[in-house]
Amino acid sequence: MPYHASVMYPNDDDITFDESYYLQTHMPLVESIWKKYGLVSWKIIKYTTALDGSPSKFLIAANLEWKSEEDIKSALQDPETPKIFADIPNFTNKQPITLGGPALS
């Protein structure tokens, strides 16, 4: 069953975020390490406002699609996975909030 993981960065007043680095360096790093484990695709969403027009609680999110929950669990155990997390300070001063779950449809 497909599994989705979301990595969301808070839209705090003091956040810094280098979108160019994130898209051109960080996400290719993620793909290079995790694709062999069943990472099917990823999309980056930039949140400008909430649907009611208020400021969004999140600035940017990565949505990663996996073949299965077991695949992401295996990827997280890869000896190169710490490189992904160590790269976060290169594009932002905030830690992400992560969520994951199976696709229901």
C-alpha atoms as a PDB file:
ATOM      1  CA  MET A   1       0.000   0.000   0.000  1.00  0.00           C
ATOM      2  CA  PRO A   2       1.444   3.430  -0.918  1.00  0.00           C
ATOM      3  CA  TYR A   3       2.738   5.449   1.999  1.00  0.00           C
ATOM      4  CA  HIS A   4       3.116   9.231   2.185  1.00  0.00           C
ATOM      5  CA  ALA A   5       5.448  11.261   4.375  1.00  0.00           C
ATOM      6  CA  SER A   6       5.195  15.019   4.853  1.00  0.00           C
ATOM      7  CA  VAL A   7       8.125  17.131   6.022  1.00  0.00           C
ATOM      8  CA  MET A   8       6.791  20.572   6.956  1.00  0.00           C
ATOM      9  CA  TYR A   9       8.741  23.669   7.911  1.00  0.00           C
ATOM     10  CA  PRO A  10       7.015  26.118  10.292  1.00  0.00           C
ATOM     11  CA  ASN A  11       6.252  29.620   9.097  1.00  0.00           C
ATOM     12  CA  ASP A  12       7.770  31.280  12.155  1.00  0.00           C
ATOM     13  CA  ASP A  13       8.552  35.002  12.075  1.00  0.00           C
ATOM     14  CA  ASP A  14      12.285  34.347  12.352  1.00  0.00           C
ATOM     15  CA  ILE A  15      12.561  31.506   9.815  1.00  0.00           C
ATOM     16  CA  THR A  16      15.214  31.646   7.135  1.00  0.00           C
ATOM     17  CA  PHE A  17      14.807  29.296   4.179  1.00  0.00           C
ATOM     18  CA  ASP A  18      16.959  29.021   1.056  1.00  0.00           C
ATOM     19  CA  GLU A  19      14.500  27.653  -1.503  1.00  0.00           C
ATOM     20  CA  SER A  20      17.118  27.399  -4.237  1.00  0.00           C
ATOM     21  CA  TYR A  21      19.438  25.257  -2.109  1.00  0.00           C
ATOM     22  CA  TYR A  22      16.506  23.142  -0.941  1.00  0.00           C
ATOM     23  CA  LEU A  23      15.323  22.388  -4.473  1.00  0.00           C
ATOM     24  CA  GLN A  24      18.687  22.131  -6.220  1.00  0.00           C
ATOM     25  CA  THR A  25      20.814  20.432  -3.554  1.00  0.00           C
ATOM     26  CA  HIS A  26      18.849  19.016  -0.625  1.00  0.00           C
ATOM     27  CA  MET A  27      16.032  17.252  -2.441  1.00  0.00           C
ATOM     28  CA  PRO A  28      18.390  15.650  -5.002  1.00  0.00           C
ATOM     29  CA  LEU A  29      20.402  14.393  -2.004  1.00  0.00           C
ATOM     30  CA  VAL A  30      17.225  12.891  -0.515  1.00  0.00           C
ATOM     31  CA  GLU A  31      16.398  11.225  -3.817  1.00  0.00           C
ATOM     32  CA  SER A  32      19.925   9.881  -4.331  1.00  0.00           C
ATOM     33  CA  ILE A  33      19.932   8.151  -0.945  1.00  0.00           C
ATOM     34  CA  TRP A  34      16.315   7.001  -0.677  1.00  0.00           C
ATOM     35  CA  LYS A  35      15.209   6.165  -4.239  1.00  0.00           C
ATOM     36  CA  LYS A  36      16.699   2.667  -4.004  1.00  0.00           C
ATOM     37  CA  TYR A  37      14.365   1.983  -1.055  1.00  0.00           C
ATOM     38  CA  GLY A  38      11.139   2.712  -2.910  1.00  0.00           C
ATOM     39  CA  LEU A  39      10.830   6.490  -2.931  1.00  0.00           C
ATOM     40  CA  VAL A  40       8.420   6.888  -5.847  1.00  0.00           C
ATOM     41  CA  SER A  41       8.176  10.675  -6.090  1.00  0.00           C
ATOM     42  CA  TRP A  42       8.350  13.926  -4.179  1.00  0.00           C
ATOM     43  CA  LYS A  43       6.667  17.296  -4.485  1.00  0.00           C
ATOM     44  CA  ILE A  44       7.442  20.589  -2.779  1.00  0.00           C
ATOM     45  CA  ILE A  45       4.597  22.889  -1.787  1.00  0.00           C
ATOM     46  CA  LYS A  46       5.077  26.531  -0.774  1.00  0.00           C
ATOM     47  CA  TYR A  47       2.231  27.732   1.412  1.00  0.00           C
ATOM     48  CA  THR A  48       1.476  31.417   0.981  1.00  0.00           C
ATOM     49  CA  THR A  49      -1.696  31.607   3.083  1.00  0.00           C
ATOM     50  CA  ALA A  50      -4.237  29.365   4.746  1.00  0.00           C
ATOM     51  CA  LEU A  51      -7.453  28.845   2.800  1.00  0.00           C
ATOM     52  CA  ASP A  52      -9.210  31.439   4.953  1.00  0.00           C
ATOM     53  CA  GLY A  53      -6.577  34.035   4.011  1.00  0.00           C
ATOM     54  CA  SER A  54      -4.768  33.990   7.346  1.00  0.00           C
ATOM     55  CA  PRO A  55      -1.016  33.396   7.494  1.00  0.00           C
ATOM     56  CA  SER A  56      -0.095  29.767   6.917  1.00  0.00           C
ATOM     57  CA  LYS A  57       1.327  27.818   9.863  1.00  0.00           C
ATOM     58  CA  PHE A  58       3.816  26.229   7.464  1.00  0.00           C
ATOM     59  CA  LEU A  59       6.112  27.832   4.905  1.00  0.00           C
ATOM     60  CA  ILE A  60       7.132  24.834   2.815  1.00  0.00           C
ATOM     61  CA  ALA A  61       6.437  21.119   2.840  1.00  0.00           C
ATOM     62  CA  ALA A  62       7.901  18.140   1.045  1.00  0.00           C
ATOM     63  CA  ASN A  63       5.457  15.355   0.276  1.00  0.00           C
ATOM     64  CA  LEU A  64       7.228  12.071  -0.366  1.00  0.00           C
ATOM     65  CA  GLU A  65       5.444   9.072  -1.865  1.00  0.00           C
ATOM     66  CA  TRP A  66       6.757   5.604  -1.039  1.00  0.00           C
ATOM     67  CA  LYS A  67       5.794   2.152  -2.275  1.00  0.00           C
ATOM     68  CA  SER A  68       5.128   1.050   1.312  1.00  0.00           C
ATOM     69  CA  GLU A  69       5.633   1.950   4.963  1.00  0.00           C
ATOM     70  CA  GLU A  70       8.295  -0.747   5.176  1.00  0.00           C
ATOM     71  CA  ASP A  71      10.251   1.037   2.447  1.00  0.00           C
ATOM     72  CA  ILE A  72      10.502   4.325   4.336  1.00  0.00           C
ATOM     73  CA  LYS A  73      11.468   2.455   7.496  1.00  0.00           C
ATOM     74  CA  SER A  74      14.301   0.776   5.574  1.00  0.00           C
ATOM     75  CA  ALA A  75      15.402   4.107   4.091  1.00  0.00           C
ATOM     76  CA  LEU A  76      15.602   5.679   7.536  1.00  0.00           C
ATOM     77  CA  GLN A  77      18.065   2.941   8.552  1.00  0.00           C
ATOM     78  CA  ASP A  78      20.429   3.571   5.622  1.00  0.00           C
ATOM     79  CA  PRO A  79      23.894   4.574   6.877  1.00  0.00           C
ATOM     80  CA  GLU A  80      23.779   7.645   4.604  1.00  0.00           C
ATOM     81  CA  THR A  81      20.443   8.936   5.962  1.00  0.00           C
ATOM     82  CA  PRO A  82      22.154  11.085   8.641  1.00  0.00           C
ATOM     83  CA  LYS A  83      23.589  13.170   5.747  1.00  0.00           C
ATOM     84  CA  ILE A  84      20.035  14.220   4.875  1.00  0.00           C
ATOM     85  CA  PHE A  85      19.278  15.449   8.388  1.00  0.00           C
ATOM     86  CA  ALA A  86      22.716  17.052   8.788  1.00  0.00           C
ATOM     87  CA  ASP A  87      22.022  19.100   5.647  1.00  0.00           C
ATOM     88  CA  ILE A  88      18.981  20.890   7.136  1.00  0.00           C
ATOM     89  CA  PRO A  89      20.988  23.807   8.652  1.00  0.00           C
ATOM     90  CA  ASN A  90      22.338  24.529   5.156  1.00  0.00           C
ATOM     91  CA  PHE A  91      18.926  25.811   4.027  1.00  0.00           C
ATOM     92  CA  THR A  92      16.928  26.704   7.158  1.00  0.00           C
ATOM     93  CA  ASN A  93      17.242  27.620  10.812  1.00  0.00           C
ATOM     94  CA  LYS A  94      14.179  25.532  11.795  1.00  0.00           C
ATOM     95  CA  GLN A  95      13.588  21.829  12.314  1.00  0.00           C
ATOM     96  CA  PRO A  96      10.725  20.282  10.355  1.00  0.00           C
ATOM     97  CA  ILE A  97       7.584  18.635  11.626  1.00  0.00           C
ATOM     98  CA  THR A  98       7.082  15.201  10.072  1.00  0.00           C
ATOM     99  CA  LEU A  99       3.972  13.130   9.475  1.00  0.00           C
ATOM    100  CA  GLY A 100       3.413   9.853   7.698  1.00  0.00           C
ATOM    101  CA  GLY A 101       0.566   7.564   6.783  1.00  0.00           C
ATOM    102  CA  PRO A 102      -0.864   5.153   4.232  1.00  0.00           C
ATOM    103  CA  ALA A 103      -2.773   6.370   1.198  1.00  0.00           C
ATOM    104  CA  LEU A 104      -6.438   5.444   1.530  1.00  0.00           C
ATOM    105  CA  SER A 105      -7.312   6.042  -2.116  1.00  0.00           C
END
